[in-house]
Each structure stands twice: as C-alpha cells, then as structure tokens.
Amino acid sequence: MSTIKQAPLPSANRTVFFVSDGTGITAETFGHSVLTQFDLKFKQIRLPFIDTVDKAHDAVRKINDAFQREGNRPIVFSTLVKAELSAVVFKSQGLHMDLIQTFVAPLEQELGIKSTHTVGRSHNIADTEEYKNRIEAINFSLAHDDGQSDKNLAKADVILVGVSRSGKTPTTLYLAMQYGIKAANYPLIPEDFERGKLPSCLPEFKGKIFGLSIAPERLSEIRNERRPGSKYASLENCRYEVNEAEAMMRREGIRWLSSTAKSIEEISTTILQEIKVDVRVY
C-alpha cells in the first residue's frame, strides 16, 4: 500500500536560521532578499560564530528542536566556510541553502584554482584603508546629523534635505556604514519655507543635495509616536510642511524621492545612482 507524502503547510511559525562562522550578516542579507518573495511571516534566528564542531552540533540541536516543535522543516541559510562544519549542520532536519558551496565550487572550477577557505576573510578589515574611511564617514555623518554643523560640508559626498522625520538620519548612517559615504543631513523647517530659501549654508553645495519627502499621513503617524497630539504631528501641519518642502525642492532643482514606501536600501541605491559617488560595498 503506497503512502501519500504530505506537503508542508504554509505557516507563520516557519523558522529561518542564518548560520555563519562570522557575524551572519551575509547569510541574513541574502536570506532576507529571498524570503521577501513569499507572503509569509518567518521567525528568524541568527546563529553567528559557529567556528567549532561543538558549536556546529549545538546549531543542529537548535534547528532540530524547531522542527520537532513546529512540524515543518526550518529553512537554513548557511555561510560556513569549513567543510567539516558545513557537513555537521547539513545533517540537521532543515532545508539547507549553503551559499558558500553554491557559489565557491563553481568558481573554483571556472577559475582553475582552489579558494582559500579562510573564515571571516570578507570582514578582515581592521587595519585597512577602507575600514578607516568607513569610520571617518560614520563620524562625519553623526557630526552633521540634523543640521548640527555646517563645518567641512565641502567634504560631504551627499547632503540630504527634507522635513523632520522623513528618513534622513537612518539613510545617512546607512550610507556611511555600508558604503563609506560622508553624508550630512539638514531639516527643512517652517522658517525656511517662510523665507522661501534653503538653509544659507547649502546653496553652494547644491550639486551634492538630494531631497527626501514622505506622505503627510505617514509623517503624522511617525511624529505622533514622538510627540502625540502636538501641532508638530498634526496632519494639517504635516501636509503644509511636505507641500512646502516639495515645492522648494522643485523650485531649486533638487533631485528628490518619497521615502514613504521605500526601504533604506532602496533610498540609498537611488541616491548613489543620482549623485554618482564612487563607492565600495564592505
């Protein structure tokens, strides 16, 4: 008598593991890109620094526990460089996405050489010029956040403008941390709208300026989390500020986009395409 194999049920409780001998950021970034293609919620667990056999077996226990608890195979995104560690984790009761083996083996064959199989090689940057530049970019962005300083703006790669809470600060920090971009940001405030001009320190750097806008309804929600019931957060005020800011950016010929439905990654990519700064991803 034949048995019918039952397909796993779609479940909001499906667990995803990101297993790495380093920080797990690479596995998590790739995994997120794949998982967003599916209209499901996932419980996500990062297992970093799996660099010994004992730690690999511990990761297997966690994966297997999730399988027993939920009844569905956990999804495992792995960037384990050492084959012996990968072999251990592969024995777990999960659906395995081994990013190292998927890409390294074909490249070894194509290039005609063996890879170094060095753990953490992509993040071995403590003494490099790139690392120094990235730290400088982060410090620059923090010093020039929210119009705190107008010193050394000539050194900025990009200057973001927009109304308060439109996404300027997280975008500048992402540009600094991910790309080593020196990014400043300045709020456009009612006083600027009354004068009908950009803050006085910015016009000479107009070629570096990029604007962020946002839907007034979304802006009101965000501001109400910070200052509930205030004029600052009122929908009427948000509509006024957004309309004035967009009118100013159009009048000044500033490139801009709405951050309402875009991720920081999407916003940053658009900025880099428009400003055309030479960058390197770390």
Protein backbone atom coordinates (compact mmCIF):
# COMPACT_ATOMS: atom_id res chain seq x y z
CA MET A 1 0.00 0.00 0.00
CA SER A 2 1.54 3.32 -1.08
CA THR A 3 1.68 6.28 1.25
CA ILE A 4 0.96 9.83 0.22
CA LYS A 5 3.62 12.30 1.20
CA GLN A 6 2.00 15.36 2.75
CA ALA A 7 3.35 18.72 1.68
CA PRO A 8 4.37 21.08 4.46
CA LEU A 9 1.69 23.55 5.41
CA PRO A 10 2.29 27.29 4.96
CA SER A 11 2.82 28.61 8.45
CA ALA A 12 3.52 31.92 10.12
CA ASN A 13 5.60 29.87 12.55
CA ARG A 14 8.13 28.70 9.98
CA THR A 15 11.58 29.31 11.44
CA VAL A 16 14.59 30.50 9.46
CA PHE A 17 18.16 30.10 10.72
CA PHE A 18 21.13 32.12 9.48
CA VAL A 19 24.21 30.06 10.31
CA SER A 20 27.69 31.52 9.93
CA ASP A 21 31.24 31.21 11.20
CA GLY A 22 31.29 35.04 11.24
CA THR A 23 28.66 37.61 12.09
CA GLY A 24 25.93 36.05 9.94
CA ILE A 25 25.19 39.36 8.23
CA THR A 26 25.90 37.99 4.75
CA ALA A 27 23.63 34.99 5.23
CA GLU A 28 20.92 37.18 6.74
CA THR A 29 21.09 39.77 3.98
CA PHE A 30 20.84 37.14 1.25
CA GLY A 31 18.14 35.25 3.13
CA HIS A 32 16.02 38.36 3.58
CA SER A 33 16.21 39.06 -0.16
CA VAL A 34 14.87 35.59 -0.90
CA LEU A 35 12.24 35.45 1.85
CA THR A 36 10.63 38.74 0.82
CA GLN A 37 9.41 36.94 -2.29
CA PHE A 38 7.00 34.94 -0.14
CA ASP A 39 3.91 36.36 1.54
CA LEU A 40 4.57 34.65 4.87
CA LYS A 41 5.90 35.65 8.24
CA PHE A 42 9.07 33.97 9.42
CA LYS A 43 10.65 33.59 12.83
CA GLN A 44 14.28 34.50 12.15
CA ILE A 45 17.22 33.33 14.25
CA ARG A 46 20.85 34.23 13.63
CA LEU A 47 23.50 31.73 14.78
CA PRO A 48 26.84 33.56 14.41
CA PHE A 49 30.41 32.46 15.14
CA ILE A 50 29.78 28.75 14.52
CA ASP A 51 33.52 28.07 14.19
CA THR A 52 33.97 24.74 16.01
CA VAL A 53 32.46 21.28 15.66
CA ASP A 54 30.86 21.58 19.11
CA LYS A 55 29.15 24.83 18.09
CA ALA A 56 28.01 23.21 14.85
CA HIS A 57 26.38 20.36 16.80
CA ASP A 58 24.72 22.91 19.07
CA ALA A 59 23.33 24.66 15.98
CA VAL A 60 21.98 21.31 14.77
CA ARG A 61 20.18 20.79 18.10
CA LYS A 62 18.51 24.19 17.80
CA ILE A 63 17.42 23.52 14.23
CA ASN A 64 16.09 20.07 15.11
CA ASP A 65 14.24 21.44 18.16
CA ALA A 66 12.46 23.91 15.90
CA PHE A 67 11.50 21.08 13.55
CA GLN A 68 10.09 18.96 16.38
CA ARG A 69 8.25 21.91 17.88
CA GLU A 70 6.67 23.23 14.67
CA GLY A 71 6.33 20.17 12.45
CA ASN A 72 7.85 21.96 9.45
CA ARG A 73 11.46 21.90 8.37
CA PRO A 74 13.29 25.08 9.35
CA ILE A 75 14.97 26.92 6.50
CA VAL A 76 18.72 27.21 6.96
CA PHE A 77 20.83 29.82 5.16
CA SER A 78 24.47 28.96 5.75
CA THR A 79 27.79 30.68 5.04
CA LEU A 80 30.06 28.20 6.81
CA VAL A 81 33.45 28.14 5.09
CA LYS A 82 34.91 25.00 6.67
CA ALA A 83 33.59 21.86 5.02
CA GLU A 84 33.60 19.84 8.25
CA LEU A 85 31.33 22.38 9.96
CA SER A 86 29.03 22.59 6.98
CA ALA A 87 28.79 18.78 6.90
CA VAL A 88 27.64 18.72 10.53
CA VAL A 89 24.96 21.37 10.05
CA PHE A 90 23.79 19.69 6.83
CA LYS A 91 22.70 16.68 8.92
CA SER A 92 20.08 18.77 10.71
CA GLN A 93 16.39 18.47 9.88
CA GLY A 94 16.24 21.66 7.85
CA LEU A 95 16.04 22.84 4.25
CA HIS A 96 19.63 23.88 3.59
CA MET A 97 20.75 26.86 1.50
CA ASP A 98 24.56 26.65 1.57
CA LEU A 99 25.73 29.88 0.00
CA ILE A 100 29.44 29.04 0.14
CA GLN A 101 29.15 25.68 -1.62
CA THR A 102 26.62 27.04 -4.12
CA PHE A 103 28.96 29.75 -5.37
CA VAL A 104 32.52 28.80 -4.39
CA ALA A 105 32.66 25.34 -6.01
CA PRO A 106 31.57 26.53 -9.49
CA LEU A 107 34.00 29.46 -9.26
CA GLU A 108 36.87 27.15 -8.31
CA GLN A 109 36.16 25.11 -11.43
CA GLU A 110 35.82 28.17 -13.66
CA LEU A 111 38.91 29.97 -12.32
CA GLY A 112 41.04 26.84 -12.13
CA ILE A 113 42.18 27.48 -8.55
CA LYS A 114 41.06 26.49 -5.08
CA SER A 115 39.58 29.06 -2.76
CA THR A 116 41.41 29.94 0.46
CA HIS A 117 38.50 28.71 2.63
CA THR A 118 39.52 31.36 5.15
CA VAL A 119 36.97 32.07 7.88
CA GLY A 120 35.92 35.72 8.13
CA ARG A 121 38.02 36.81 5.16
CA SER A 122 35.37 39.22 3.86
CA HIS A 123 35.39 41.07 7.18
CA ASN A 124 39.14 41.08 7.85
CA ILE A 125 39.40 44.85 7.54
CA ALA A 126 40.59 46.07 10.90
CA ASP A 127 43.79 47.65 9.54
CA THR A 128 42.73 48.54 6.01
CA GLU A 129 42.30 51.95 4.45
CA GLU A 130 38.69 51.05 3.63
CA TYR A 131 37.90 50.45 7.29
CA LYS A 132 39.45 53.78 8.26
CA ASN A 133 37.41 55.56 5.58
CA ARG A 134 34.22 53.94 6.79
CA ILE A 135 34.80 55.01 10.40
CA GLU A 136 35.54 58.55 9.22
CA ALA A 137 32.32 58.54 7.21
CA ILE A 138 30.28 57.41 10.23
CA ASN A 139 31.83 60.12 12.41
CA PHE A 140 31.18 62.72 9.71
CA SER A 141 27.53 61.70 9.38
CA LEU A 142 27.00 61.80 13.15
CA ALA A 143 28.63 65.24 13.40
CA HIS A 144 26.47 66.56 10.56
CA ASP A 145 23.19 64.97 11.60
CA ASP A 146 20.07 67.12 11.60
CA GLY A 147 21.97 70.30 10.76
CA GLN A 148 24.17 70.16 13.86
CA SER A 149 27.17 71.56 11.99
CA ASP A 150 27.90 73.25 8.69
CA LYS A 151 31.69 72.83 9.01
CA ASN A 152 33.54 70.92 6.31
CA LEU A 153 30.46 70.47 4.13
CA ALA A 154 32.81 70.62 1.15
CA LYS A 155 33.97 67.15 2.24
CA ALA A 156 30.44 65.72 2.12
CA ASP A 157 29.67 63.25 -0.66
CA VAL A 158 25.95 63.91 -0.31
CA ILE A 159 23.70 66.23 1.69
CA LEU A 160 20.16 65.07 2.39
CA VAL A 161 17.36 67.58 2.98
CA GLY A 162 13.72 67.10 3.91
CA VAL A 163 11.19 67.71 6.64
CA SER A 164 11.78 66.32 10.11
CA ARG A 165 11.25 62.52 10.36
CA SER A 166 11.32 61.86 6.62
CA GLY A 167 14.12 59.30 6.95
CA LYS A 168 17.25 61.43 6.58
CA THR A 169 19.22 60.21 9.61
CA PRO A 170 18.90 56.43 9.07
CA THR A 171 19.73 56.91 5.39
CA THR A 172 22.88 58.93 6.06
CA LEU A 173 24.08 56.40 8.63
CA TYR A 174 23.38 53.50 6.27
CA LEU A 175 25.35 55.24 3.50
CA ALA A 176 28.24 55.77 5.91
CA MET A 177 28.30 52.26 7.37
CA GLN A 178 27.61 50.33 4.19
CA TYR A 179 29.44 52.40 1.60
CA GLY A 180 31.82 54.73 3.44
CA ILE A 181 29.87 57.75 2.14
CA LYS A 182 30.24 61.02 4.03
CA ALA A 183 26.61 62.11 4.26
CA ALA A 184 25.23 65.17 6.02
CA ASN A 185 21.54 65.94 6.51
CA TYR A 186 19.60 69.14 7.10
CA PRO A 187 15.95 69.53 8.11
CA LEU A 188 13.71 71.85 6.13
CA ILE A 189 11.74 73.80 8.74
CA PRO A 190 8.91 76.39 8.69
CA GLU A 191 11.43 79.26 8.85
CA ASP A 192 12.96 78.03 5.58
CA PHE A 193 9.52 77.92 3.98
CA GLU A 194 8.73 81.46 5.14
CA ARG A 195 11.98 82.73 3.59
CA GLY A 196 11.43 80.56 0.53
CA LYS A 197 15.08 79.55 0.55
CA LEU A 198 17.32 76.66 1.53
CA PRO A 199 19.36 76.98 4.73
CA SER A 200 22.05 79.57 3.99
CA CYS A 201 24.97 77.13 4.16
CA LEU A 202 23.60 74.80 1.46
CA PRO A 203 23.21 76.60 -1.91
CA GLU A 204 26.91 76.45 -2.80
CA PHE A 205 26.74 72.66 -2.48
CA LYS A 206 23.55 72.19 -4.49
CA GLY A 207 25.17 69.58 -6.71
CA LYS A 208 25.51 67.30 -3.68
CA ILE A 209 22.00 67.83 -2.35
CA PHE A 210 19.32 65.14 -2.53
CA GLY A 211 15.84 65.51 -1.06
CA LEU A 212 13.59 63.11 0.83
CA SER A 213 9.84 63.58 1.07
CA ILE A 214 7.11 61.46 2.65
CA ALA A 215 3.34 61.10 2.54
CA PRO A 216 1.78 63.53 5.08
CA GLU A 217 -0.38 60.75 6.55
CA ARG A 218 2.66 58.57 7.23
CA LEU A 219 4.62 61.54 8.56
CA SER A 220 1.82 62.34 11.00
CA GLU A 221 1.87 58.74 12.28
CA ILE A 222 5.63 58.84 12.84
CA ARG A 223 5.56 62.21 14.56
CA ASN A 224 2.65 61.19 16.80
CA GLU A 225 4.80 58.38 18.15
CA ARG A 226 7.30 61.00 19.27
CA ARG A 227 5.02 63.91 20.22
CA PRO A 228 1.43 62.66 20.40
CA GLY A 229 -1.29 65.26 19.93
CA SER A 230 1.13 68.09 19.12
CA LYS A 231 0.83 70.65 16.32
CA TYR A 232 4.15 69.26 15.06
CA ALA A 233 2.45 65.89 14.50
CA SER A 234 -0.93 67.14 13.25
CA LEU A 235 -1.96 66.03 9.79
CA GLU A 236 -2.66 69.63 8.76
CA ASN A 237 0.87 70.73 9.72
CA CYS A 238 2.43 67.68 8.08
CA ARG A 239 0.59 68.45 4.84
CA TYR A 240 1.81 72.05 4.98
CA GLU A 241 5.45 71.09 5.59
CA VAL A 242 5.52 68.37 2.94
CA ASN A 243 3.89 70.57 0.31
CA GLU A 244 6.27 73.46 1.06
CA ALA A 245 9.34 71.20 1.07
CA GLU A 246 8.44 69.59 -2.25
CA ALA A 247 7.71 73.00 -3.79
CA MET A 248 11.10 74.27 -2.60
CA MET A 249 12.94 71.24 -3.99
CA ARG A 250 11.23 71.63 -7.36
CA ARG A 251 11.98 75.34 -7.40
CA GLU A 252 15.65 74.78 -6.52
CA GLY A 253 16.07 71.94 -9.00
CA ILE A 254 16.89 69.41 -6.26
CA ARG A 255 16.50 65.73 -7.03
CA TRP A 256 14.24 64.00 -4.53
CA LEU A 257 12.09 60.96 -3.86
CA SER A 258 9.36 59.90 -1.45
CA SER A 259 10.56 57.60 1.32
CA THR A 260 7.01 56.50 2.20
CA ALA A 261 7.09 53.01 0.71
CA LYS A 262 10.83 52.54 0.20
CA SER A 263 13.43 50.76 2.31
CA ILE A 264 16.66 52.45 3.35
CA GLU A 265 18.46 50.20 0.89
CA GLU A 266 16.24 51.39 -1.99
CA ILE A 267 16.59 55.03 -0.99
CA SER A 268 20.38 54.73 -0.71
CA THR A 269 20.71 52.99 -4.07
CA THR A 270 18.70 55.73 -5.76
CA ILE A 271 20.82 58.42 -4.12
CA LEU A 272 24.05 56.78 -5.24
CA GLN A 273 22.75 56.49 -8.80
CA GLU A 274 21.74 60.14 -8.87
CA ILE A 275 24.77 61.64 -7.08
CA LYS A 276 27.16 59.23 -8.82
CA VAL A 277 29.64 58.76 -5.98
CA ASP A 278 32.31 56.09 -6.36
CA VAL A 279 31.65 53.56 -3.63
CA ARG A 280 32.70 50.17 -2.40
CA VAL A 281 30.40 47.80 -0.50
CA TYR A 282 32.03 46.43 2.68
